[in-house]
mmCIF file of all heavy atoms, coordinates in Angstrom:
data_MODEL
# 
_entry.id   MODEL 
# 
loop_
_atom_site.group_PDB 
_atom_site.id 
_atom_site.type_symbol 
_atom_site.label_atom_id 
_atom_site.label_alt_id 
_atom_site.label_comp_id 
_atom_site.label_asym_id 
_atom_site.label_entity_id 
_atom_site.label_seq_id 
_atom_site.pdbx_PDB_ins_code 
_atom_site.Cartn_x 
_atom_site.Cartn_y 
_atom_site.Cartn_z 
_atom_site.occupancy 
_atom_site.B_iso_or_equiv 
_atom_site.pdbx_formal_charge 
_atom_site.auth_seq_id 
_atom_site.auth_comp_id 
_atom_site.auth_asym_id 
_atom_site.auth_atom_id 
_atom_site.pdbx_PDB_model_num 
ATOM 1   N N   . GLY A 1 1  ? 218.191 120.173 22.143 1.00 0.00 ? 1  GLY A N   1 
ATOM 2   C CA  . GLY A 1 1  ? 218.916 118.914 22.254 1.00 0.00 ? 1  GLY A CA  1 
ATOM 3   C C   . GLY A 1 1  ? 218.407 118.149 23.463 1.00 0.00 ? 1  GLY A C   1 
ATOM 4   O O   . GLY A 1 1  ? 217.836 118.732 24.397 1.00 0.00 ? 1  GLY A O   1 
ATOM 5   N N   . GLN A 1 2  ? 218.570 116.834 23.454 1.00 0.00 ? 2  GLN A N   1 
ATOM 6   C CA  . GLN A 1 2  ? 218.123 116.007 24.574 1.00 0.00 ? 2  GLN A CA  1 
ATOM 7   C C   . GLN A 1 2  ? 219.131 114.907 24.850 1.00 0.00 ? 2  GLN A C   1 
ATOM 8   O O   . GLN A 1 2  ? 219.843 114.437 23.962 1.00 0.00 ? 2  GLN A O   1 
ATOM 9   C CB  . GLN A 1 2  ? 216.759 115.379 24.278 1.00 0.00 ? 2  GLN A CB  1 
ATOM 10  C CG  . GLN A 1 2  ? 215.608 116.358 24.292 1.00 0.00 ? 2  GLN A CG  1 
ATOM 11  C CD  . GLN A 1 2  ? 214.273 115.658 24.138 1.00 0.00 ? 2  GLN A CD  1 
ATOM 12  O OE1 . GLN A 1 2  ? 214.060 114.890 23.212 1.00 0.00 ? 2  GLN A OE1 1 
ATOM 13  N NE2 . GLN A 1 2  ? 213.353 115.914 25.058 1.00 0.00 ? 2  GLN A NE2 1 
ATOM 14  N N   . GLU A 1 3  ? 219.156 114.515 26.114 1.00 0.00 ? 3  GLU A N   1 
ATOM 15  C CA  . GLU A 1 3  ? 220.015 113.405 26.516 1.00 0.00 ? 3  GLU A CA  1 
ATOM 16  C C   . GLU A 1 3  ? 219.524 112.112 25.877 1.00 0.00 ? 3  GLU A C   1 
ATOM 17  O O   . GLU A 1 3  ? 218.323 111.912 25.688 1.00 0.00 ? 3  GLU A O   1 
ATOM 18  C CB  . GLU A 1 3  ? 219.982 113.287 28.034 1.00 0.00 ? 3  GLU A CB  1 
ATOM 19  C CG  . GLU A 1 3  ? 220.916 112.267 28.623 1.00 0.00 ? 3  GLU A CG  1 
ATOM 20  C CD  . GLU A 1 3  ? 220.817 112.217 30.133 1.00 0.00 ? 3  GLU A CD  1 
ATOM 21  O OE1 . GLU A 1 3  ? 220.711 113.297 30.760 1.00 0.00 ? 3  GLU A OE1 1 
ATOM 22  O OE2 . GLU A 1 3  ? 220.829 111.105 30.696 1.00 0.00 ? 3  GLU A OE2 1 
ATOM 23  N N   . GLY A 1 4  ? 220.438 111.218 25.530 1.00 0.00 ? 4  GLY A N   1 
ATOM 24  C CA  . GLY A 1 4  ? 220.069 109.933 24.949 1.00 0.00 ? 4  GLY A CA  1 
ATOM 25  C C   . GLY A 1 4  ? 221.283 109.048 24.807 1.00 0.00 ? 4  GLY A C   1 
ATOM 26  O O   . GLY A 1 4  ? 222.410 109.540 24.687 1.00 0.00 ? 4  GLY A O   1 
ATOM 27  N N   . SER A 1 5  ? 221.065 107.738 24.811 1.00 0.00 ? 5  SER A N   1 
ATOM 28  C CA  . SER A 1 5  ? 222.173 106.786 24.772 1.00 0.00 ? 5  SER A CA  1 
ATOM 29  C C   . SER A 1 5  ? 222.333 106.081 23.436 1.00 0.00 ? 5  SER A C   1 
ATOM 30  O O   . SER A 1 5  ? 223.374 105.484 23.175 1.00 0.00 ? 5  SER A O   1 
ATOM 31  C CB  . SER A 1 5  ? 221.987 105.724 25.866 1.00 0.00 ? 5  SER A CB  1 
ATOM 32  O OG  . SER A 1 5  ? 221.980 106.317 27.140 1.00 0.00 ? 5  SER A OG  1 
ATOM 33  N N   . ALA A 1 6  ? 221.295 106.089 22.601 1.00 0.00 ? 6  ALA A N   1 
ATOM 34  C CA  . ALA A 1 6  ? 221.374 105.393 21.315 1.00 0.00 ? 6  ALA A CA  1 
ATOM 35  C C   . ALA A 1 6  ? 222.378 106.087 20.397 1.00 0.00 ? 6  ALA A C   1 
ATOM 36  O O   . ALA A 1 6  ? 222.609 107.293 20.493 1.00 0.00 ? 6  ALA A O   1 
ATOM 37  C CB  . ALA A 1 6  ? 220.005 105.355 20.655 1.00 0.00 ? 6  ALA A CB  1 
ATOM 38  N N   . GLY A 1 7  ? 222.964 105.306 19.495 1.00 0.00 ? 7  GLY A N   1 
ATOM 39  C CA  . GLY A 1 7  ? 223.947 105.850 18.573 1.00 0.00 ? 7  GLY A CA  1 
ATOM 40  C C   . GLY A 1 7  ? 223.393 106.027 17.174 1.00 0.00 ? 7  GLY A C   1 
ATOM 41  O O   . GLY A 1 7  ? 222.313 105.532 16.843 1.00 0.00 ? 7  GLY A O   1 
ATOM 42  N N   . PRO A 1 8  ? 224.134 106.727 16.312 1.00 0.00 ? 8  PRO A N   1 
ATOM 43  C CA  . PRO A 1 8  ? 223.714 106.913 14.923 1.00 0.00 ? 8  PRO A CA  1 
ATOM 44  C C   . PRO A 1 8  ? 224.140 105.748 14.042 1.00 0.00 ? 8  PRO A C   1 
ATOM 45  O O   . PRO A 1 8  ? 225.005 104.948 14.415 1.00 0.00 ? 8  PRO A O   1 
ATOM 46  C CB  . PRO A 1 8  ? 224.459 108.181 14.516 1.00 0.00 ? 8  PRO A CB  1 
ATOM 47  C CG  . PRO A 1 8  ? 225.728 108.119 15.315 1.00 0.00 ? 8  PRO A CG  1 
ATOM 48  C CD  . PRO A 1 8  ? 225.371 107.457 16.618 1.00 0.00 ? 8  PRO A CD  1 
ATOM 49  N N   . ILE A 1 9  ? 223.518 105.655 12.857 1.00 0.00 ? 9  ILE A N   1 
ATOM 50  C CA  . ILE A 1 9  ? 224.031 104.811 11.788 1.00 0.00 ? 9  ILE A CA  1 
ATOM 51  C C   . ILE A 1 9  ? 224.198 105.700 10.558 1.00 0.00 ? 9  ILE A C   1 
ATOM 52  O O   . ILE A 1 9  ? 223.541 106.743 10.440 1.00 0.00 ? 9  ILE A O   1 
ATOM 53  C CB  . ILE A 1 9  ? 223.108 103.608 11.483 1.00 0.00 ? 9  ILE A CB  1 
ATOM 54  C CG1 . ILE A 1 9  ? 221.812 104.057 10.791 1.00 0.00 ? 9  ILE A CG1 1 
ATOM 55  C CG2 . ILE A 1 9  ? 222.803 102.831 12.742 1.00 0.00 ? 9  ILE A CG2 1 
ATOM 56  C CD1 . ILE A 1 9  ? 220.956 102.892 10.272 1.00 0.00 ? 9  ILE A CD1 1 
ATOM 57  N N   . VAL A 1 10 ? 225.092 105.315 9.647  1.00 0.00 ? 10 VAL A N   1 
ATOM 58  C CA  . VAL A 1 10 ? 225.351 106.104 8.446  1.00 0.00 ? 10 VAL A CA  1 
ATOM 59  C C   . VAL A 1 10 ? 225.298 105.181 7.242  1.00 0.00 ? 10 VAL A C   1 
ATOM 60  O O   . VAL A 1 10 ? 225.673 104.006 7.337  1.00 0.00 ? 10 VAL A O   1 
ATOM 61  C CB  . VAL A 1 10 ? 226.708 106.838 8.545  1.00 0.00 ? 10 VAL A CB  1 
ATOM 62  C CG1 . VAL A 1 10 ? 227.864 105.875 8.716  1.00 0.00 ? 10 VAL A CG1 1 
ATOM 63  C CG2 . VAL A 1 10 ? 226.934 107.754 7.342  1.00 0.00 ? 10 VAL A CG2 1 
ATOM 64  N N   . THR A 1 11 ? 224.809 105.690 6.110  1.00 0.00 ? 11 THR A N   1 
ATOM 65  C CA  . THR A 1 11 ? 224.626 104.849 4.929  1.00 0.00 ? 11 THR A CA  1 
ATOM 66  C C   . THR A 1 11 ? 225.316 105.446 3.712  1.00 0.00 ? 11 THR A C   1 
ATOM 67  O O   . THR A 1 11 ? 225.599 106.652 3.658  1.00 0.00 ? 11 THR A O   1 
ATOM 68  C CB  . THR A 1 11 ? 223.131 104.674 4.603  1.00 0.00 ? 11 THR A CB  1 
ATOM 69  O OG1 . THR A 1 11 ? 222.636 105.886 4.009  1.00 0.00 ? 11 THR A OG1 1 
ATOM 70  C CG2 . THR A 1 11 ? 222.323 104.349 5.848  1.00 0.00 ? 11 THR A CG2 1 
ATOM 71  N N   . ALA A 1 12 ? 225.532 104.583 2.711  1.00 0.00 ? 12 ALA A N   1 
ATOM 72  C CA  . ALA A 1 12 ? 226.088 105.041 1.440  1.00 0.00 ? 12 ALA A CA  1 
ATOM 73  C C   . ALA A 1 12 ? 225.121 105.953 0.697  1.00 0.00 ? 12 ALA A C   1 
ATOM 74  O O   . ALA A 1 12 ? 225.513 106.644 -0.247 1.00 0.00 ? 12 ALA A O   1 
ATOM 75  C CB  . ALA A 1 12 ? 226.448 103.840 0.566  1.00 0.00 ? 12 ALA A CB  1 
ATOM 76  N N   . GLY A 1 13 ? 223.870 105.975 1.133  1.00 0.00 ? 13 GLY A N   1 
ATOM 77  C CA  . GLY A 1 13 ? 222.895 106.892 0.559  1.00 0.00 ? 13 GLY A CA  1 
ATOM 78  C C   . GLY A 1 13 ? 223.030 108.311 1.072  1.00 0.00 ? 13 GLY A C   1 
ATOM 79  O O   . GLY A 1 13 ? 222.190 109.167 0.743  1.00 0.00 ? 13 GLY A O   1 
ATOM 80  N N   . GLY A 1 14 ? 224.064 108.569 1.861  1.00 0.00 ? 14 GLY A N   1 
ATOM 81  C CA  . GLY A 1 14 ? 224.322 109.921 2.347  1.00 0.00 ? 14 GLY A CA  1 
ATOM 82  C C   . GLY A 1 14 ? 223.531 110.318 3.565  1.00 0.00 ? 14 GLY A C   1 
ATOM 83  O O   . GLY A 1 14 ? 223.375 111.511 3.847  1.00 0.00 ? 14 GLY A O   1 
ATOM 84  N N   . LEU A 1 15 ? 223.038 109.335 4.338  1.00 0.00 ? 15 LEU A N   1 
ATOM 85  C CA  . LEU A 1 15 ? 222.129 109.605 5.443  1.00 0.00 ? 15 LEU A CA  1 
ATOM 86  C C   . LEU A 1 15 ? 222.697 109.162 6.782  1.00 0.00 ? 15 LEU A C   1 
ATOM 87  O O   . LEU A 1 15 ? 223.429 108.166 6.869  1.00 0.00 ? 15 LEU A O   1 
ATOM 88  C CB  . LEU A 1 15 ? 220.804 108.883 5.210  1.00 0.00 ? 15 LEU A CB  1 
ATOM 89  C CG  . LEU A 1 15 ? 220.027 109.305 3.958  1.00 0.00 ? 15 LEU A CG  1 
ATOM 90  C CD1 . LEU A 1 15 ? 218.897 108.329 3.689  1.00 0.00 ? 15 LEU A CD1 1 
ATOM 91  C CD2 . LEU A 1 15 ? 219.489 110.727 4.120  1.00 0.00 ? 15 LEU A CD2 1 
ATOM 92  N N   . VAL A 1 16 ? 222.324 109.900 7.819  1.00 0.00 ? 16 VAL A N   1 
ATOM 93  C CA  . VAL A 1 16 ? 222.566 109.515 9.207  1.00 0.00 ? 16 VAL A CA  1 
ATOM 94  C C   . VAL A 1 16 ? 221.205 109.362 9.871  1.00 0.00 ? 16 VAL A C   1 
ATOM 95  O O   . VAL A 1 16 ? 220.422 110.317 9.924  1.00 0.00 ? 16 VAL A O   1 
ATOM 96  C CB  . VAL A 1 16 ? 223.409 110.563 9.958  1.00 0.00 ? 16 VAL A CB  1 
ATOM 97  C CG1 . VAL A 1 16 ? 223.543 110.178 11.428 1.00 0.00 ? 16 VAL A CG1 1 
ATOM 98  C CG2 . VAL A 1 16 ? 224.782 110.700 9.327  1.00 0.00 ? 16 VAL A CG2 1 
ATOM 99  N N   . PHE A 1 17 ? 220.907 108.140 10.361 1.00 0.00 ? 17 PHE A N   1 
ATOM 100 C CA  . PHE A 1 17 ? 219.658 107.877 11.070 1.00 0.00 ? 17 PHE A CA  1 
ATOM 101 C C   . PHE A 1 17 ? 219.946 107.768 12.568 1.00 0.00 ? 17 PHE A C   1 
ATOM 102 O O   . PHE A 1 17 ? 220.932 107.138 12.975 1.00 0.00 ? 17 PHE A O   1 
ATOM 103 C CB  . PHE A 1 17 ? 219.028 106.559 10.603 1.00 0.00 ? 17 PHE A CB  1 
ATOM 104 C CG  . PHE A 1 17 ? 218.423 106.599 9.230  1.00 0.00 ? 17 PHE A CG  1 
ATOM 105 C CD1 . PHE A 1 17 ? 219.149 106.179 8.125  1.00 0.00 ? 17 PHE A CD1 1 
ATOM 106 C CD2 . PHE A 1 17 ? 217.123 107.035 9.042  1.00 0.00 ? 17 PHE A CD2 1 
ATOM 107 C CE1 . PHE A 1 17 ? 218.599 106.199 6.850  1.00 0.00 ? 17 PHE A CE1 1 
ATOM 108 C CE2 . PHE A 1 17 ? 216.547 107.060 7.783  1.00 0.00 ? 17 PHE A CE2 1 
ATOM 109 C CZ  . PHE A 1 17 ? 217.289 106.644 6.682  1.00 0.00 ? 17 PHE A CZ  1 
ATOM 110 N N   . ILE A 1 18 ? 219.054 108.338 13.388 1.00 0.00 ? 18 ILE A N   1 
ATOM 111 C CA  . ILE A 1 18 ? 219.222 108.210 14.835 1.00 0.00 ? 18 ILE A CA  1 
ATOM 112 C C   . ILE A 1 18 ? 217.902 108.481 15.550 1.00 0.00 ? 18 ILE A C   1 
ATOM 113 O O   . ILE A 1 18 ? 217.102 109.327 15.144 1.00 0.00 ? 18 ILE A O   1 
ATOM 114 C CB  . ILE A 1 18 ? 220.331 109.163 15.354 1.00 0.00 ? 18 ILE A CB  1 
ATOM 115 C CG1 . ILE A 1 18 ? 220.621 108.900 16.835 1.00 0.00 ? 18 ILE A CG1 1 
ATOM 116 C CG2 . ILE A 1 18 ? 219.983 110.624 15.096 1.00 0.00 ? 18 ILE A CG2 1 
ATOM 117 C CD1 . ILE A 1 18 ? 221.878 109.585 17.347 1.00 0.00 ? 18 ILE A CD1 1 
ATOM 118 N N   . GLY A 1 19 ? 217.650 107.721 16.615 1.00 0.00 ? 19 GLY A N   1 
ATOM 119 C CA  . GLY A 1 19 ? 216.544 107.966 17.538 1.00 0.00 ? 19 GLY A CA  1 
ATOM 120 C C   . GLY A 1 19 ? 217.140 108.350 18.888 1.00 0.00 ? 19 GLY A C   1 
ATOM 121 O O   . GLY A 1 19 ? 218.056 109.153 18.974 1.00 0.00 ? 19 GLY A O   1 
ATOM 122 N N   . GLY A 1 20 ? 216.607 107.744 19.976 1.00 0.00 ? 20 GLY A N   1 
ATOM 123 C CA  . GLY A 1 20 ? 217.243 107.874 21.278 1.00 0.00 ? 20 GLY A CA  1 
ATOM 124 C C   . GLY A 1 20 ? 216.824 109.058 22.106 1.00 0.00 ? 20 GLY A C   1 
ATOM 125 O O   . GLY A 1 20 ? 217.172 109.129 23.281 1.00 0.00 ? 20 GLY A O   1 
ATOM 126 N N   . THR A 1 21 ? 216.088 110.010 21.556 1.00 0.00 ? 21 THR A N   1 
ATOM 127 C CA  . THR A 1 21 ? 215.711 111.191 22.320 1.00 0.00 ? 21 THR A CA  1 
ATOM 128 C C   . THR A 1 21 ? 214.328 111.020 22.946 1.00 0.00 ? 21 THR A C   1 
ATOM 129 O O   . THR A 1 21 ? 213.487 110.290 22.435 1.00 0.00 ? 21 THR A O   1 
ATOM 130 C CB  . THR A 1 21 ? 215.713 112.438 21.415 1.00 0.00 ? 21 THR A CB  1 
ATOM 131 O OG1 . THR A 1 21 ? 214.948 112.168 20.238 1.00 0.00 ? 21 THR A OG1 1 
ATOM 132 C CG2 . THR A 1 21 ? 217.131 112.792 21.005 1.00 0.00 ? 21 THR A CG2 1 
ATOM 133 N N   . ARG A 1 22 ? 214.097 111.747 24.042 1.00 0.00 ? 22 ARG A N   1 
ATOM 134 C CA  . ARG A 1 22 ? 212.848 111.572 24.788 1.00 0.00 ? 22 ARG A CA  1 
ATOM 135 C C   . ARG A 1 22 ? 211.635 112.155 24.076 1.00 0.00 ? 22 ARG A C   1 
ATOM 136 O O   . ARG A 1 22 ? 210.505 111.966 24.529 1.00 0.00 ? 22 ARG A O   1 
ATOM 137 C CB  . ARG A 1 22 ? 212.984 112.191 26.181 1.00 0.00 ? 22 ARG A CB  1 
ATOM 138 C CG  . ARG A 1 22 ? 213.942 111.426 27.082 1.00 0.00 ? 22 ARG A CG  1 
ATOM 139 C CD  . ARG A 1 22 ? 213.811 111.872 28.515 1.00 0.00 ? 22 ARG A CD  1 
ATOM 140 N NE  . ARG A 1 22 ? 214.710 111.133 29.392 1.00 0.00 ? 22 ARG A NE  1 
ATOM 141 C CZ  . ARG A 1 22 ? 214.674 111.196 30.724 1.00 0.00 ? 22 ARG A CZ  1 
ATOM 142 N NH1 . ARG A 1 22 ? 213.790 111.973 31.316 1.00 0.00 ? 22 ARG A NH1 1 
ATOM 143 N NH2 . ARG A 1 22 ? 215.524 110.503 31.449 1.00 0.00 ? 22 ARG A NH2 1 
ATOM 144 N N   . ASP A 1 23 ? 211.852 112.877 22.987 1.00 0.00 ? 23 ASP A N   1 
ATOM 145 C CA  . ASP A 1 23 ? 210.707 113.380 22.228 1.00 0.00 ? 23 ASP A CA  1 
ATOM 146 C C   . ASP A 1 23 ? 210.115 112.317 21.302 1.00 0.00 ? 23 ASP A C   1 
ATOM 147 O O   . ASP A 1 23 ? 209.200 112.605 20.518 1.00 0.00 ? 23 ASP A O   1 
ATOM 148 C CB  . ASP A 1 23 ? 211.076 114.633 21.431 1.00 0.00 ? 23 ASP A CB  1 
ATOM 149 C CG  . ASP A 1 23 ? 212.263 114.414 20.489 1.00 0.00 ? 23 ASP A CG  1 
ATOM 150 O OD1 . ASP A 1 23 ? 212.633 113.250 20.252 1.00 0.00 ? 23 ASP A OD1 1 
ATOM 151 O OD2 . ASP A 1 23 ? 212.813 115.416 20.000 1.00 0.00 ? 23 ASP A OD2 1 
ATOM 152 N N   . SER A 1 24 ? 210.634 111.089 21.400 1.00 0.00 ? 24 SER A N   1 
ATOM 153 C CA  . SER A 1 24 ? 210.089 109.944 20.648 1.00 0.00 ? 24 SER A CA  1 
ATOM 154 C C   . SER A 1 24 ? 210.081 110.177 19.149 1.00 0.00 ? 24 SER A C   1 
ATOM 155 O O   . SER A 1 24 ? 209.139 109.808 18.449 1.00 0.00 ? 24 SER A O   1 
ATOM 156 C CB  . SER A 1 24 ? 208.669 109.596 21.139 1.00 0.00 ? 24 SER A CB  1 
ATOM 157 O OG  . SER A 1 24 ? 208.680 109.234 22.498 1.00 0.00 ? 24 SER A OG  1 
ATOM 158 N N   . LYS A 1 25 ? 211.142 110.776 18.637 1.00 0.00 ? 25 LYS A N   1 
ATOM 159 C CA  . LYS A 1 25 ? 211.279 110.999 17.205 1.00 0.00 ? 25 LYS A CA  1 
ATOM 160 C C   . LYS A 1 25 ? 212.410 110.116 16.655 1.00 0.00 ? 25 LYS A C   1 
ATOM 161 O O   . LYS A 1 25 ? 213.381 109.818 17.339 1.00 0.00 ? 25 LYS A O   1 
ATOM 162 C CB  . LYS A 1 25 ? 211.612 112.471 16.926 1.00 0.00 ? 25 LYS A CB  1 
ATOM 163 C CG  . LYS A 1 25 ? 210.555 113.475 17.387 1.00 0.00 ? 25 LYS A CG  1 
ATOM 164 C CD  . LYS A 1 25 ? 209.373 113.513 16.457 1.00 0.00 ? 25 LYS A CD  1 
ATOM 165 C CE  . LYS A 1 25 ? 208.355 114.571 16.875 1.00 0.00 ? 25 LYS A CE  1 
ATOM 166 N NZ  . LYS A 1 25 ? 208.886 115.941 16.828 1.00 0.00 ? 25 LYS A NZ  1 
ATOM 167 N N   . PHE A 1 26 ? 212.246 109.743 15.399 1.00 0.00 ? 26 PHE A N   1 
ATOM 168 C CA  . PHE A 1 26 ? 213.275 109.029 14.641 1.00 0.00 ? 26 PHE A CA  1 
ATOM 169 C C   . PHE A 1 26 ? 213.626 109.921 13.464 1.00 0.00 ? 26 PHE A C   1 
ATOM 170 O O   . PHE A 1 26 ? 212.733 110.347 12.715 1.00 0.00 ? 26 PHE A O   1 
ATOM 171 C CB  . PHE A 1 26 ? 212.746 107.670 14.193 1.00 0.00 ? 26 PHE A CB  1 
ATOM 172 C CG  . PHE A 1 26 ? 213.776 106.781 13.549 1.00 0.00 ? 26 PHE A CG  1 
ATOM 173 C CD1 . PHE A 1 26 ? 215.052 106.661 14.070 1.00 0.00 ? 26 PHE A CD1 1 
ATOM 174 C CD2 . PHE A 1 26 ? 213.458 106.040 12.412 1.00 0.00 ? 26 PHE A CD2 1 
ATOM 175 C CE1 . PHE A 1 26 ? 215.996 105.835 13.483 1.00 0.00 ? 26 PHE A CE1 1 
ATOM 176 C CE2 . PHE A 1 26 ? 214.387 105.205 11.816 1.00 0.00 ? 26 PHE A CE2 1 
ATOM 177 C CZ  . PHE A 1 26 ? 215.669 105.107 12.353 1.00 0.00 ? 26 PHE A CZ  1 
ATOM 178 N N   . ARG A 1 27 ? 214.909 110.239 13.276 1.00 0.00 ? 27 ARG A N   1 
ATOM 179 C CA  . ARG A 1 27 ? 215.312 111.280 12.341 1.00 0.00 ? 27 ARG A CA  1 
ATOM 180 C C   . ARG A 1 27 ? 216.347 110.780 11.337 1.00 0.00 ? 27 ARG A C   1 
ATOM 181 O O   . ARG A 1 27 ? 217.110 109.852 11.623 1.00 0.00 ? 27 ARG A O   1 
ATOM 182 C CB  . ARG A 1 27 ? 215.899 112.464 13.105 1.00 0.00 ? 27 ARG A CB  1 
ATOM 183 C CG  . ARG A 1 27 ? 214.929 113.177 14.047 1.00 0.00 ? 27 ARG A CG  1 
ATOM 184 C CD  . ARG A 1 27 ? 215.647 114.240 14.854 1.00 0.00 ? 27 ARG A CD  1 
ATOM 185 N NE  . ARG A 1 27 ? 214.733 115.126 15.580 1.00 0.00 ? 27 ARG A NE  1 
ATOM 186 C CZ  . ARG A 1 27 ? 214.292 114.899 16.808 1.00 0.00 ? 27 ARG A CZ  1 
ATOM 187 N NH1 . ARG A 1 27 ? 214.685 113.810 17.462 1.00 0.00 ? 27 ARG A NH1 1 
ATOM 188 N NH2 . ARG A 1 27 ? 213.473 115.758 17.389 1.00 0.00 ? 27 ARG A NH2 1 
ATOM 189 N N   . ALA A 1 28 ? 216.374 111.466 10.185 1.00 0.00 ? 28 ALA A N   1 
ATOM 190 C CA  . ALA A 1 28 ? 217.406 111.240 9.172  1.00 0.00 ? 28 ALA A CA  1 
ATOM 191 C C   . ALA A 1 28 ? 218.018 112.583 8.810  1.00 0.00 ? 28 ALA A C   1 
ATOM 192 O O   . ALA A 1 28 ? 217.298 113.551 8.527  1.00 0.00 ? 28 ALA A O   1 
ATOM 193 C CB  . ALA A 1 28 ? 216.824 110.566 7.927  1.00 0.00 ? 28 ALA A CB  1 
ATOM 194 N N   . PHE A 1 29 ? 219.349 112.635 8.799  1.00 0.00 ? 29 PHE A N   1 
ATOM 195 C CA  . PHE A 1 29 ? 220.086 113.851 8.475  1.00 0.00 ? 29 PHE A CA  1 
ATOM 196 C C   . PHE A 1 29 ? 220.962 113.621 7.247  1.00 0.00 ? 29 PHE A C   1 
ATOM 197 O O   . PHE A 1 29 ? 221.408 112.490 6.980  1.00 0.00 ? 29 PHE A O   1 
ATOM 198 C CB  . PHE A 1 29 ? 220.983 114.264 9.647  1.00 0.00 ? 29 PHE A CB  1 
ATOM 199 C CG  . PHE A 1 29 ? 220.242 114.581 10.910 1.00 0.00 ? 29 PHE A CG  1 
ATOM 200 C CD1 . PHE A 1 29 ? 219.981 113.590 11.856 1.00 0.00 ? 29 PHE A CD1 1 
ATOM 201 C CD2 . PHE A 1 29 ? 219.794 115.862 11.170 1.00 0.00 ? 29 PHE A CD2 1 
ATOM 202 C CE1 . PHE A 1 29 ? 219.302 113.875 13.031 1.00 0.00 ? 29 PHE A CE1 1 
ATOM 203 C CE2 . PHE A 1 29 ? 219.112 116.163 12.338 1.00 0.00 ? 29 PHE A CE2 1 
ATOM 204 C CZ  . PHE A 1 29 ? 218.860 115.164 13.269 1.00 0.00 ? 29 PHE A CZ  1 
ATOM 205 N N   . ASP A 1 30 ? 221.250 114.700 6.539  1.00 0.00 ? 30 ASP A N   1 
ATOM 206 C CA  . ASP A 1 30 ? 222.233 114.670 5.453  1.00 0.00 ? 30 ASP A CA  1 
ATOM 207 C C   . ASP A 1 30 ? 223.611 114.579 6.090  1.00 0.00 ? 30 ASP A C   1 
ATOM 208 O O   . ASP A 1 30 ? 223.996 115.441 6.888  1.00 0.00 ? 30 ASP A O   1 
ATOM 209 C CB  . ASP A 1 30 ? 222.109 115.941 4.608  1.00 0.00 ? 30 ASP A CB  1 
ATOM 210 C CG  . ASP A 1 30 ? 222.952 115.882 3.340  1.00 0.00 ? 30 ASP A CG  1 
ATOM 211 O OD1 . ASP A 1 30 ? 224.105 115.385 3.389  1.00 0.00 ? 30 ASP A OD1 1 
ATOM 212 O OD2 . ASP A 1 30 ? 222.471 116.363 2.300  1.00 0.00 ? 30 ASP A OD2 1 
# 
């Protein structure tokens, strides 16, 4: 896990998108 200030977004497609971590990744979760 890493510290970060950005928040998640959630969609009707069943996804949670979030960046904000220092590893410079952008992720999608179920």
